[in-house]
């Protein structure tokens, strides 16, 4: 599976990451996801995030426990 933004091959933990509200698969690598602020994400229990020694970024800082999500704000660009 590949990242929908940069077409890079996804690691195991990246390919199972879901949006914490919609439960849709994100299909984005850590680097691309880090560039987009405020996307609540979740991983299945037991998924291990392997560190890449050649990459300076850490795992997605936006990963949250779905039970801790209390508010969701959506920007609607199609309003008249």
C-alpha atoms as a PDB file:
ATOM      1  CA  UNK A   1       0.000   0.000   0.000  1.00  0.00           C
ATOM      2  CA  UNK A   2       1.220   3.532  -0.778  1.00  0.00           C
ATOM      3  CA  UNK A   3       0.770   6.995   0.746  1.00  0.00           C
ATOM      4  CA  UNK A   4      -2.012   8.927  -0.981  1.00  0.00           C
ATOM      5  CA  UNK A   5       0.089  12.119  -0.765  1.00  0.00           C
ATOM      6  CA  UNK A   6       3.648  11.183  -1.709  1.00  0.00           C
ATOM      7  CA  UNK A   7       3.242   7.629  -3.096  1.00  0.00           C
ATOM      8  CA  UNK A   8       5.843   6.262  -0.646  1.00  0.00           C
ATOM      9  CA  UNK A   9       5.380   2.620   0.422  1.00  0.00           C
ATOM     10  CA  UNK A  10       3.599   2.545   3.801  1.00  0.00           C
ATOM     11  CA  UNK A  11       5.040   0.781   6.852  1.00  0.00           C
ATOM     12  CA  UNK A  12       2.831  -1.721   8.679  1.00  0.00           C
ATOM     13  CA  UNK A  13       1.624   0.746  11.330  1.00  0.00           C
ATOM     14  CA  UNK A  14       0.924   3.429   8.702  1.00  0.00           C
ATOM     15  CA  UNK A  15      -1.265   1.095   6.654  1.00  0.00           C
ATOM     16  CA  UNK A  16      -3.612   0.323   9.570  1.00  0.00           C
ATOM     17  CA  UNK A  17      -3.928   3.867  10.958  1.00  0.00           C
ATOM     18  CA  UNK A  18      -7.492   5.192  10.963  1.00  0.00           C
ATOM     19  CA  UNK A  19      -9.154   8.550  11.532  1.00  0.00           C
ATOM     20  CA  UNK A  20     -10.327   8.568  15.161  1.00  0.00           C
ATOM     21  CA  UNK A  21     -13.751  10.042  14.371  1.00  0.00           C
ATOM     22  CA  UNK A  22     -14.743   8.625  10.969  1.00  0.00           C
ATOM     23  CA  UNK A  23     -12.853   5.324  11.350  1.00  0.00           C
ATOM     24  CA  UNK A  24     -11.667   5.640   7.704  1.00  0.00           C
ATOM     25  CA  UNK A  25      -8.191   4.408   6.803  1.00  0.00           C
ATOM     26  CA  UNK A  26      -5.881   7.401   6.299  1.00  0.00           C
ATOM     27  CA  UNK A  27      -3.358   5.692   3.975  1.00  0.00           C
ATOM     28  CA  UNK A  28      -0.732   8.339   4.735  1.00  0.00           C
ATOM     29  CA  UNK A  29       2.894   7.981   5.781  1.00  0.00           C
ATOM     30  CA  UNK A  30       4.095   9.493   9.063  1.00  0.00           C
ATOM     31  CA  UNK A  31       5.910  12.329   7.281  1.00  0.00           C
ATOM     32  CA  UNK A  32       2.853  13.481   5.307  1.00  0.00           C
ATOM     33  CA  UNK A  33       0.499  13.066   8.248  1.00  0.00           C
ATOM     34  CA  UNK A  34       2.794  15.187  10.405  1.00  0.00           C
ATOM     35  CA  UNK A  35       2.426  18.062   7.912  1.00  0.00           C
ATOM     36  CA  UNK A  36      -1.361  18.155   8.356  1.00  0.00           C
ATOM     37  CA  UNK A  37      -2.316  19.522  11.796  1.00  0.00           C
ATOM     38  CA  UNK A  38      -5.152  18.342  14.019  1.00  0.00           C
ATOM     39  CA  UNK A  39      -6.088  14.994  12.478  1.00  0.00           C
ATOM     40  CA  UNK A  40      -7.086  12.682  15.322  1.00  0.00           C
ATOM     41  CA  UNK A  41      -5.886   9.170  14.568  1.00  0.00           C
ATOM     42  CA  UNK A  42      -5.990   5.737  16.143  1.00  0.00           C
ATOM     43  CA  UNK A  43      -4.119   2.477  15.740  1.00  0.00           C
ATOM     44  CA  UNK A  44      -5.384  -1.007  16.548  1.00  0.00           C
ATOM     45  CA  UNK A  45      -4.303  -2.310  19.957  1.00  0.00           C
ATOM     46  CA  UNK A  46      -1.021  -4.156  19.876  1.00  0.00           C
ATOM     47  CA  UNK A  47       0.378  -2.378  16.795  1.00  0.00           C
ATOM     48  CA  UNK A  48       4.064  -1.667  17.295  1.00  0.00           C
ATOM     49  CA  UNK A  49       5.502   1.469  15.705  1.00  0.00           C
ATOM     50  CA  UNK A  50       8.991   0.685  14.485  1.00  0.00           C
ATOM     51  CA  UNK A  51      11.469   3.543  14.621  1.00  0.00           C
ATOM     52  CA  UNK A  52      13.250   4.349  11.379  1.00  0.00           C
ATOM     53  CA  UNK A  53      16.914   5.110  12.213  1.00  0.00           C
ATOM     54  CA  UNK A  54      17.257   7.171   9.028  1.00  0.00           C
ATOM     55  CA  UNK A  55      14.187   9.300   9.615  1.00  0.00           C
ATOM     56  CA  UNK A  56      14.284  12.258  12.002  1.00  0.00           C
ATOM     57  CA  UNK A  57      10.557  12.242  12.765  1.00  0.00           C
ATOM     58  CA  UNK A  58       8.860  10.259  15.495  1.00  0.00           C
ATOM     59  CA  UNK A  59       5.540   8.463  15.326  1.00  0.00           C
ATOM     60  CA  UNK A  60       2.510  10.619  14.641  1.00  0.00           C
ATOM     61  CA  UNK A  61       1.972  13.040  17.540  1.00  0.00           C
ATOM     62  CA  UNK A  62      -1.733  13.149  16.640  1.00  0.00           C
ATOM     63  CA  UNK A  63      -2.418   9.524  17.664  1.00  0.00           C
ATOM     64  CA  UNK A  64      -5.110   9.632  20.342  1.00  0.00           C
ATOM     65  CA  UNK A  65      -7.303   7.223  22.210  1.00  0.00           C
ATOM     66  CA  UNK A  66     -10.720   7.331  20.523  1.00  0.00           C
ATOM     67  CA  UNK A  67     -12.409   7.545  23.939  1.00  0.00           C
ATOM     68  CA  UNK A  68     -10.568  10.804  24.673  1.00  0.00           C
ATOM     69  CA  UNK A  69     -11.974  12.597  21.609  1.00  0.00           C
ATOM     70  CA  UNK A  70     -14.681  14.929  22.868  1.00  0.00           C
ATOM     71  CA  UNK A  71     -14.925  17.659  20.234  1.00  0.00           C
ATOM     72  CA  UNK A  72     -14.613  17.635  16.481  1.00  0.00           C
ATOM     73  CA  UNK A  73     -14.517  20.791  14.405  1.00  0.00           C
ATOM     74  CA  UNK A  74     -15.010  20.705  10.652  1.00  0.00           C
ATOM     75  CA  UNK A  75     -14.318  23.539   8.242  1.00  0.00           C
ATOM     76  CA  UNK A  76     -17.097  23.616   5.642  1.00  0.00           C
ATOM     77  CA  UNK A  77     -15.785  25.362   2.536  1.00  0.00           C
ATOM     78  CA  UNK A  78     -18.940  24.800   0.464  1.00  0.00           C
ATOM     79  CA  UNK A  79     -21.228  27.124   2.414  1.00  0.00           C
ATOM     80  CA  UNK A  80     -22.865  29.969   0.514  1.00  0.00           C
END
